[in-house]
C-alpha atoms as a PDB file:
ATOM      1  CA  UNK A   1     120.830  35.746  29.628  1.00  0.00           C
ATOM      2  CA  UNK A   2     121.523  34.379  33.093  1.00  0.00           C
ATOM      3  CA  UNK A   3     123.891  37.284  33.643  1.00  0.00           C
ATOM      4  CA  UNK A   4     121.209  39.878  32.728  1.00  0.00           C
ATOM      5  CA  UNK A   5     118.652  38.221  35.036  1.00  0.00           C
ATOM      6  CA  UNK A   6     121.146  38.236  37.902  1.00  0.00           C
ATOM      7  CA  UNK A   7     121.958  41.894  37.267  1.00  0.00           C
ATOM      8  CA  UNK A   8     118.280  42.806  37.219  1.00  0.00           C
ATOM      9  CA  UNK A   9     117.680  40.891  40.459  1.00  0.00           C
ATOM     10  CA  UNK A  10     120.615  42.696  42.066  1.00  0.00           C
ATOM     11  CA  UNK A  11     119.180  46.083  41.058  1.00  0.00           C
ATOM     12  CA  UNK A  12     115.764  45.198  42.528  1.00  0.00           C
ATOM     13  CA  UNK A  13     117.315  43.980  45.779  1.00  0.00           C
ATOM     14  CA  UNK A  14     119.424  47.095  46.107  1.00  0.00           C
ATOM     15  CA  UNK A  15     116.434  49.345  45.432  1.00  0.00           C
ATOM     16  CA  UNK A  16     114.368  47.545  48.109  1.00  0.00           C
ATOM     17  CA  UNK A  17     117.183  47.765  50.638  1.00  0.00           C
ATOM     18  CA  UNK A  18     117.660  51.468  49.916  1.00  0.00           C
ATOM     19  CA  UNK A  19     113.916  52.106  50.284  1.00  0.00           C
ATOM     20  CA  UNK A  20     113.757  50.282  53.613  1.00  0.00           C
ATOM     21  CA  UNK A  21     116.804  52.124  54.903  1.00  0.00           C
ATOM     22  CA  UNK A  22     115.266  55.424  53.853  1.00  0.00           C
ATOM     23  CA  UNK A  23     112.025  54.607  55.729  1.00  0.00           C
ATOM     24  CA  UNK A  24     113.969  53.725  58.885  1.00  0.00           C
ATOM     25  CA  UNK A  25     115.973  56.951  58.691  1.00  0.00           C
ATOM     26  CA  UNK A  26     112.784  58.957  58.117  1.00  0.00           C
ATOM     27  CA  UNK A  27     111.002  57.354  61.073  1.00  0.00           C
ATOM     28  CA  UNK A  28     114.007  57.952  63.322  1.00  0.00           C
ATOM     29  CA  UNK A  29     114.252  61.560  62.270  1.00  0.00           C
ATOM     30  CA  UNK A  30     110.483  62.016  62.844  1.00  0.00           C
ATOM     31  CA  UNK A  31     110.795  60.508  66.332  1.00  0.00           C
ATOM     32  CA  UNK A  32     113.723  62.811  67.064  1.00  0.00           C
ATOM     33  CA  UNK A  33     111.784  65.859  65.886  1.00  0.00           C
ATOM     34  CA  UNK A  34     108.735  64.806  67.927  1.00  0.00           C
ATOM     35  CA  UNK A  35     110.885  64.418  71.028  1.00  0.00           C
ATOM     36  CA  UNK A  36     112.303  67.890  70.496  1.00  0.00           C
ATOM     37  CA  UNK A  37     108.839  69.450  70.247  1.00  0.00           C
ATOM     38  CA  UNK A  38     107.658  68.083  73.642  1.00  0.00           C
ATOM     39  CA  UNK A  39     108.848  70.883  75.895  1.00  0.00           C
ATOM     40  CA  UNK A  40     107.268  72.337  79.026  1.00  0.00           C
ATOM     41  CA  UNK A  41     105.481  75.611  78.369  1.00  0.00           C
ATOM     42  CA  UNK A  42     106.589  78.718  80.217  1.00  0.00           C
ATOM     43  CA  UNK A  43     102.972  79.441  81.279  1.00  0.00           C
ATOM     44  CA  UNK A  44     102.192  75.802  82.041  1.00  0.00           C
ATOM     45  CA  UNK A  45      99.618  75.266  84.798  1.00  0.00           C
ATOM     46  CA  UNK A  46     100.577  73.068  87.729  1.00  0.00           C
ATOM     47  CA  UNK A  47      97.734  70.581  87.530  1.00  0.00           C
ATOM     48  CA  UNK A  48      96.437  68.670  90.529  1.00  0.00           C
ATOM     49  CA  UNK A  49      96.050  64.989  89.716  1.00  0.00           C
ATOM     50  CA  UNK A  50      94.404  63.907  92.954  1.00  0.00           C
ATOM     51  CA  UNK A  51      90.965  63.607  91.346  1.00  0.00           C
ATOM     52  CA  UNK A  52      87.868  65.695  92.007  1.00  0.00           C
ATOM     53  CA  UNK A  53      87.480  67.856  95.097  1.00  0.00           C
ATOM     54  CA  UNK A  54      85.533  66.096  97.833  1.00  0.00           C
ATOM     55  CA  UNK A  55      85.254  69.035 100.247  1.00  0.00           C
ATOM     56  CA  UNK A  56      84.058  72.286  98.658  1.00  0.00           C
ATOM     57  CA  UNK A  57      83.872  75.360 100.929  1.00  0.00           C
ATOM     58  CA  UNK A  58      81.298  77.981 100.004  1.00  0.00           C
ATOM     59  CA  UNK A  59      81.928  81.397 101.514  1.00  0.00           C
ATOM     60  CA  UNK A  60      82.190  80.993 105.284  1.00  0.00           C
ATOM     61  CA  UNK A  61      80.772  77.463 105.216  1.00  0.00           C
ATOM     62  CA  UNK A  62      83.063  74.446 105.179  1.00  0.00           C
ATOM     63  CA  UNK A  63      81.710  70.860 105.218  1.00  0.00           C
ATOM     64  CA  UNK A  64      82.428  69.041 108.481  1.00  0.00           C
ATOM     65  CA  UNK A  65      83.108  65.308 108.607  1.00  0.00           C
ATOM     66  CA  UNK A  66      83.573  63.396 111.863  1.00  0.00           C
ATOM     67  CA  UNK A  67      86.815  61.514 112.338  1.00  0.00           C
ATOM     68  CA  UNK A  68      85.184  58.082 112.249  1.00  0.00           C
ATOM     69  CA  UNK A  69      82.687  58.872 109.476  1.00  0.00           C
ATOM     70  CA  UNK A  70      83.260  57.288 106.087  1.00  0.00           C
ATOM     71  CA  UNK A  71      82.930  59.482 103.001  1.00  0.00           C
ATOM     72  CA  UNK A  72      83.795  57.746  99.729  1.00  0.00           C
ATOM     73  CA  UNK A  73      86.537  59.289  97.536  1.00  0.00           C
ATOM     74  CA  UNK A  74      84.200  60.441  94.752  1.00  0.00           C
ATOM     75  CA  UNK A  75      81.572  62.044  96.994  1.00  0.00           C
ATOM     76  CA  UNK A  76      80.998  65.812  96.788  1.00  0.00           C
ATOM     77  CA  UNK A  77      80.247  67.768  99.969  1.00  0.00           C
ATOM     78  CA  UNK A  78      79.607  71.471  99.411  1.00  0.00           C
ATOM     79  CA  UNK A  79      78.788  74.237 101.861  1.00  0.00           C
ATOM     80  CA  UNK A  80      76.763  73.693 105.033  1.00  0.00           C
ATOM     81  CA  UNK A  81      77.139  69.920 105.305  1.00  0.00           C
ATOM     82  CA  UNK A  82      77.797  68.008 108.530  1.00  0.00           C
ATOM     83  CA  UNK A  83      78.450  64.265 108.641  1.00  0.00           C
ATOM     84  CA  UNK A  84      78.331  62.995 112.210  1.00  0.00           C
ATOM     85  CA  UNK A  85      80.099  60.131 113.980  1.00  0.00           C
ATOM     86  CA  UNK A  86      79.673  56.669 112.512  1.00  0.00           C
ATOM     87  CA  UNK A  87      77.807  57.964 109.451  1.00  0.00           C
ATOM     88  CA  UNK A  88      78.718  56.913 105.927  1.00  0.00           C
ATOM     89  CA  UNK A  89      78.234  58.555 102.529  1.00  0.00           C
ATOM     90  CA  UNK A  90      78.828  56.166  99.675  1.00  0.00           C
ATOM     91  CA  UNK A  91      80.186  56.419  96.139  1.00  0.00           C
ATOM     92  CA  UNK A  92      78.839  59.050  93.795  1.00  0.00           C
ATOM     93  CA  UNK A  93      76.721  60.985  96.314  1.00  0.00           C
ATOM     94  CA  UNK A  94      76.323  64.761  96.157  1.00  0.00           C
ATOM     95  CA  UNK A  95      75.397  66.729  99.284  1.00  0.00           C
ATOM     96  CA  UNK A  96      74.970  70.358  98.266  1.00  0.00           C
ATOM     97  CA  UNK A  97      74.442  72.708 101.175  1.00  0.00           C
ATOM     98  CA  UNK A  98      74.715  75.964  99.287  1.00  0.00           C
ATOM     99  CA  UNK A  99      71.288  77.307 100.293  1.00  0.00           C
ATOM    100  CA  UNK A 100      70.706  75.668 103.663  1.00  0.00           C
ATOM    101  CA  UNK A 101      72.051  73.106 106.115  1.00  0.00           C
ATOM    102  CA  UNK A 102      72.387  69.365 105.522  1.00  0.00           C
ATOM    103  CA  UNK A 103      73.079  66.975 108.386  1.00  0.00           C
ATOM    104  CA  UNK A 104      73.703  63.228 108.324  1.00  0.00           C
ATOM    105  CA  UNK A 105      73.221  61.904 111.845  1.00  0.00           C
ATOM    106  CA  UNK A 106      74.988  59.323 113.964  1.00  0.00           C
ATOM    107  CA  UNK A 107      75.297  55.881 112.323  1.00  0.00           C
ATOM    108  CA  UNK A 108      73.146  56.943 109.360  1.00  0.00           C
ATOM    109  CA  UNK A 109      74.089  56.223 105.760  1.00  0.00           C
ATOM    110  CA  UNK A 110      73.467  57.696 102.326  1.00  0.00           C
ATOM    111  CA  UNK A 111      74.018  55.006  99.745  1.00  0.00           C
ATOM    112  CA  UNK A 112      75.344  55.206  96.175  1.00  0.00           C
ATOM    113  CA  UNK A 113      74.475  58.175  93.951  1.00  0.00           C
ATOM    114  CA  UNK A 114      72.167  59.826  96.435  1.00  0.00           C
ATOM    115  CA  UNK A 115      71.534  63.551  95.974  1.00  0.00           C
ATOM    116  CA  UNK A 116      70.714  65.747  98.956  1.00  0.00           C
ATOM    117  CA  UNK A 117      69.909  69.432  98.663  1.00  0.00           C
ATOM    118  CA  UNK A 118      68.191  72.123 100.723  1.00  0.00           C
ATOM    119  CA  UNK A 119      66.059  75.059  99.588  1.00  0.00           C
ATOM    120  CA  UNK A 120      65.944  78.627 100.919  1.00  0.00           C
ATOM    121  CA  UNK A 121      62.567  78.083 102.563  1.00  0.00           C
ATOM    122  CA  UNK A 122      59.937  75.399 103.097  1.00  0.00           C
ATOM    123  CA  UNK A 123      56.257  75.697 102.040  1.00  0.00           C
ATOM    124  CA  UNK A 124      55.198  74.312 105.439  1.00  0.00           C
ATOM    125  CA  UNK A 125      56.990  76.978 107.420  1.00  0.00           C
ATOM    126  CA  UNK A 126      59.241  74.358 109.008  1.00  0.00           C
ATOM    127  CA  UNK A 127      63.026  74.740 108.783  1.00  0.00           C
ATOM    128  CA  UNK A 128      64.146  74.288 105.181  1.00  0.00           C
ATOM    129  CA  UNK A 129      67.297  72.407 106.094  1.00  0.00           C
ATOM    130  CA  UNK A 130      67.639  68.722 105.274  1.00  0.00           C
ATOM    131  CA  UNK A 131      67.973  66.730 108.471  1.00  0.00           C
ATOM    132  CA  UNK A 132      68.796  63.019 108.549  1.00  0.00           C
ATOM    133  CA  UNK A 133      68.844  61.898 112.165  1.00  0.00           C
ATOM    134  CA  UNK A 134      70.451  58.814 113.749  1.00  0.00           C
ATOM    135  CA  UNK A 135      70.211  55.216 112.472  1.00  0.00           C
ATOM    136  CA  UNK A 136      68.648  56.203 109.137  1.00  0.00           C
ATOM    137  CA  UNK A 137      69.281  54.317 105.898  1.00  0.00           C
ATOM    138  CA  UNK A 138      68.910  56.231 102.619  1.00  0.00           C
ATOM    139  CA  UNK A 139      68.738  53.875  99.631  1.00  0.00           C
ATOM    140  CA  UNK A 140      70.777  54.333  96.464  1.00  0.00           C
ATOM    141  CA  UNK A 141      69.765  56.929  93.858  1.00  0.00           C
ATOM    142  CA  UNK A 142      67.421  58.736  96.254  1.00  0.00           C
ATOM    143  CA  UNK A 143      66.747  62.485  96.106  1.00  0.00           C
ATOM    144  CA  UNK A 144      66.117  64.480  99.265  1.00  0.00           C
ATOM    145  CA  UNK A 145      65.346  68.188  99.349  1.00  0.00           C
ATOM    146  CA  UNK A 146      64.579  70.208 102.493  1.00  0.00           C
ATOM    147  CA  UNK A 147      63.033  67.271 104.327  1.00  0.00           C
ATOM    148  CA  UNK A 148      63.319  65.832 107.832  1.00  0.00           C
ATOM    149  CA  UNK A 149      63.867  62.164 108.584  1.00  0.00           C
ATOM    150  CA  UNK A 150      63.559  61.252 112.235  1.00  0.00           C
ATOM    151  CA  UNK A 151      65.600  58.491 113.937  1.00  0.00           C
ATOM    152  CA  UNK A 152      65.444  54.860 112.828  1.00  0.00           C
ATOM    153  CA  UNK A 153      63.866  55.073 109.380  1.00  0.00           C
ATOM    154  CA  UNK A 154      64.496  53.411 106.036  1.00  0.00           C
ATOM    155  CA  UNK A 155      64.150  55.274 102.739  1.00  0.00           C
ATOM    156  CA  UNK A 156      64.048  52.834  99.829  1.00  0.00           C
ATOM    157  CA  UNK A 157      66.090  53.140  96.647  1.00  0.00           C
ATOM    158  CA  UNK A 158      65.108  55.700  93.980  1.00  0.00           C
ATOM    159  CA  UNK A 159      62.835  57.546  96.415  1.00  0.00           C
ATOM    160  CA  UNK A 160      62.149  61.278  96.223  1.00  0.00           C
ATOM    161  CA  UNK A 161      61.327  63.442  99.240  1.00  0.00           C
ATOM    162  CA  UNK A 162      60.275  66.988  98.413  1.00  0.00           C
ATOM    163  CA  UNK A 163      60.350  70.246 100.391  1.00  0.00           C
ATOM    164  CA  UNK A 164      58.792  70.184 103.837  1.00  0.00           C
ATOM    165  CA  UNK A 165      58.164  66.432 103.915  1.00  0.00           C
ATOM    166  CA  UNK A 166      58.543  64.669 107.246  1.00  0.00           C
ATOM    167  CA  UNK A 167      59.240  60.998 107.931  1.00  0.00           C
ATOM    168  CA  UNK A 168      58.602  60.226 111.580  1.00  0.00           C
ATOM    169  CA  UNK A 169      60.566  57.712 113.607  1.00  0.00           C
ATOM    170  CA  UNK A 170      60.293  53.945 113.014  1.00  0.00           C
ATOM    171  CA  UNK A 171      58.887  54.349 109.499  1.00  0.00           C
ATOM    172  CA  UNK A 172      59.765  52.745 106.167  1.00  0.00           C
ATOM    173  CA  UNK A 173      59.373  54.233 102.690  1.00  0.00           C
ATOM    174  CA  UNK A 174      59.331  51.637  99.935  1.00  0.00           C
ATOM    175  CA  UNK A 175      61.656  51.858  96.916  1.00  0.00           C
ATOM    176  CA  UNK A 176      60.599  54.255  94.157  1.00  0.00           C
ATOM    177  CA  UNK A 177      58.260  56.267  96.377  1.00  0.00           C
ATOM    178  CA  UNK A 178      57.648  59.981  95.945  1.00  0.00           C
ATOM    179  CA  UNK A 179      56.732  62.081  98.987  1.00  0.00           C
ATOM    180  CA  UNK A 180      55.079  65.375  97.884  1.00  0.00           C
ATOM    181  CA  UNK A 181      55.899  68.711  99.518  1.00  0.00           C
ATOM    182  CA  UNK A 182      54.592  69.010 103.070  1.00  0.00           C
ATOM    183  CA  UNK A 183      53.532  65.355 103.362  1.00  0.00           C
ATOM    184  CA  UNK A 184      53.969  63.680 106.773  1.00  0.00           C
ATOM    185  CA  UNK A 185      54.573  59.952 107.186  1.00  0.00           C
ATOM    186  CA  UNK A 186      53.428  59.026 110.728  1.00  0.00           C
ATOM    187  CA  UNK A 187      55.533  56.935 113.057  1.00  0.00           C
ATOM    188  CA  UNK A 188      55.533  53.160 112.745  1.00  0.00           C
ATOM    189  CA  UNK A 189      54.034  52.991 109.247  1.00  0.00           C
ATOM    190  CA  UNK A 190      54.981  51.622 105.826  1.00  0.00           C
ATOM    191  CA  UNK A 191      54.295  53.910 102.848  1.00  0.00           C
ATOM    192  CA  UNK A 192      54.819  53.379  99.122  1.00  0.00           C
ATOM    193  CA  UNK A 193      53.901  54.691  95.665  1.00  0.00           C
ATOM    194  CA  UNK A 194      53.843  57.902  93.658  1.00  0.00           C
ATOM    195  CA  UNK A 195      52.554  59.851  95.453  1.00  0.00           C
ATOM    196  CA  UNK A 196      53.375  57.898  98.608  1.00  0.00           C
ATOM    197  CA  UNK A 197      50.354  56.350 100.361  1.00  0.00           C
ATOM    198  CA  UNK A 198      49.816  54.414 103.544  1.00  0.00           C
ATOM    199  CA  UNK A 199      50.266  50.635 103.131  1.00  0.00           C
ATOM    200  CA  UNK A 200      50.148  49.174 106.644  1.00  0.00           C
ATOM    201  CA  UNK A 201      51.462  49.545 110.159  1.00  0.00           C
ATOM    202  CA  UNK A 202      54.837  48.026 110.942  1.00  0.00           C
ATOM    203  CA  UNK A 203      55.168  45.217 113.418  1.00  0.00           C
ATOM    204  CA  UNK A 204      57.321  45.547 116.516  1.00  0.00           C
ATOM    205  CA  UNK A 205      59.828  43.083 115.032  1.00  0.00           C
ATOM    206  CA  UNK A 206      60.139  45.174 111.855  1.00  0.00           C
ATOM    207  CA  UNK A 207      60.855  48.355 113.802  1.00  0.00           C
ATOM    208  CA  UNK A 208      63.605  46.548 115.706  1.00  0.00           C
ATOM    209  CA  UNK A 209      65.292  45.606 112.437  1.00  0.00           C
ATOM    210  CA  UNK A 210      65.601  49.224 111.242  1.00  0.00           C
ATOM    211  CA  UNK A 211      68.554  50.274 113.445  1.00  0.00           C
ATOM    212  CA  UNK A 212      70.174  46.866 112.923  1.00  0.00           C
ATOM    213  CA  UNK A 213      70.413  47.612 109.194  1.00  0.00           C
ATOM    214  CA  UNK A 214      72.080  50.959 109.876  1.00  0.00           C
ATOM    215  CA  UNK A 215      74.570  49.304 112.237  1.00  0.00           C
ATOM    216  CA  UNK A 216      75.368  46.594 109.665  1.00  0.00           C
ATOM    217  CA  UNK A 217      76.109  49.224 107.016  1.00  0.00           C
ATOM    218  CA  UNK A 218      78.244  51.103 109.536  1.00  0.00           C
ATOM    219  CA  UNK A 219      80.277  47.933 110.140  1.00  0.00           C
ATOM    220  CA  UNK A 220      80.710  47.493 106.391  1.00  0.00           C
ATOM    221  CA  UNK A 221      81.878  51.086 106.002  1.00  0.00           C
ATOM    222  CA  UNK A 222      84.700  50.417 108.464  1.00  0.00           C
ATOM    223  CA  UNK A 223      86.156  47.855 106.066  1.00  0.00           C
ATOM    224  CA  UNK A 224      86.082  50.433 103.261  1.00  0.00           C
ATOM    225  CA  UNK A 225      87.506  53.064 105.588  1.00  0.00           C
ATOM    226  CA  UNK A 226      90.516  50.869 106.413  1.00  0.00           C
ATOM    227  CA  UNK A 227      91.358  50.599 102.692  1.00  0.00           C
ATOM    228  CA  UNK A 228      90.677  54.228 101.911  1.00  0.00           C
ATOM    229  CA  UNK A 229      93.431  56.464 100.509  1.00  0.00           C
ATOM    230  CA  UNK A 230      92.906  60.224 100.913  1.00  0.00           C
ATOM    231  CA  UNK A 231      94.070  60.813  97.355  1.00  0.00           C
ATOM    232  CA  UNK A 232      94.098  58.657  94.248  1.00  0.00           C
ATOM    233  CA  UNK A 233      97.367  57.308  92.818  1.00  0.00           C
ATOM    234  CA  UNK A 234      96.826  58.811  89.381  1.00  0.00           C
ATOM    235  CA  UNK A 235      99.536  61.390  90.038  1.00  0.00           C
ATOM    236  CA  UNK A 236     102.125  58.587  90.122  1.00  0.00           C
ATOM    237  CA  UNK A 237     101.272  57.603  86.555  1.00  0.00           C
ATOM    238  CA  UNK A 238     101.441  61.244  85.478  1.00  0.00           C
ATOM    239  CA  UNK A 239     104.888  61.690  87.003  1.00  0.00           C
ATOM    240  CA  UNK A 240     106.066  58.502  85.308  1.00  0.00           C
ATOM    241  CA  UNK A 241     104.780  59.779  81.951  1.00  0.00           C
ATOM    242  CA  UNK A 242     106.511  63.134  82.459  1.00  0.00           C
ATOM    243  CA  UNK A 243     109.832  61.444  83.140  1.00  0.00           C
ATOM    244  CA  UNK A 244     109.514  59.269  80.042  1.00  0.00           C
ATOM    245  CA  UNK A 245     108.891  62.382  77.910  1.00  0.00           C
ATOM    246  CA  UNK A 246     111.711  64.337  79.526  1.00  0.00           C
ATOM    247  CA  UNK A 247     109.401  66.933  81.056  1.00  0.00           C
ATOM    248  CA  UNK A 248     110.682  68.524  84.249  1.00  0.00           C
ATOM    249  CA  UNK A 249     108.507  67.685  87.220  1.00  0.00           C
END
């Protein structure tokens, strides 16, 4: 009886060993077949792994960026866009000058996820280009379209400025404000609301702080600029993956 039990146990052990060996052989053969199927295609496209295009020419118009201006890697500048000296355009912004000109003046800044556009024409008869003059701060998530912002102004976050609107010098627009088409915000005033309304006149001390904010953001942009790489390093990972798969680079 002991002999029959031992024989049965031997058969079970052998069957298990054979099954495991068969699985290993099958997995190895599958891996070999998979490796053989990964081959470069004859009509394979040479992809560019540097990330999205930051500068997009449109026809004869090419965006112009000053040497010491900071434009974040994932910003999109298209068409008639000019970013002047000391200006900064931060992450996620889109400046689309396909219909008219967009200018970001000296030491001005457009903060995260701002969208700036320009229409063909303005309802006020003024130039339909979007003009941001010197020492202007545009808060994050703001939308500007065919408007003019004179020197030393602050536009709060999530603000909207429509066609033909004008923000005169030394003015502040509170966060979340909406400036209707053709509306003028006089110099030295604080406006807020939807639609934007006069709140109060700014003090002399408050007007002095406006350019200081723009200068502080300019100083901060220099730190980002010193760490900035023109292209992302994603292509290095792609080349490493190609080599591991045996694909010719």
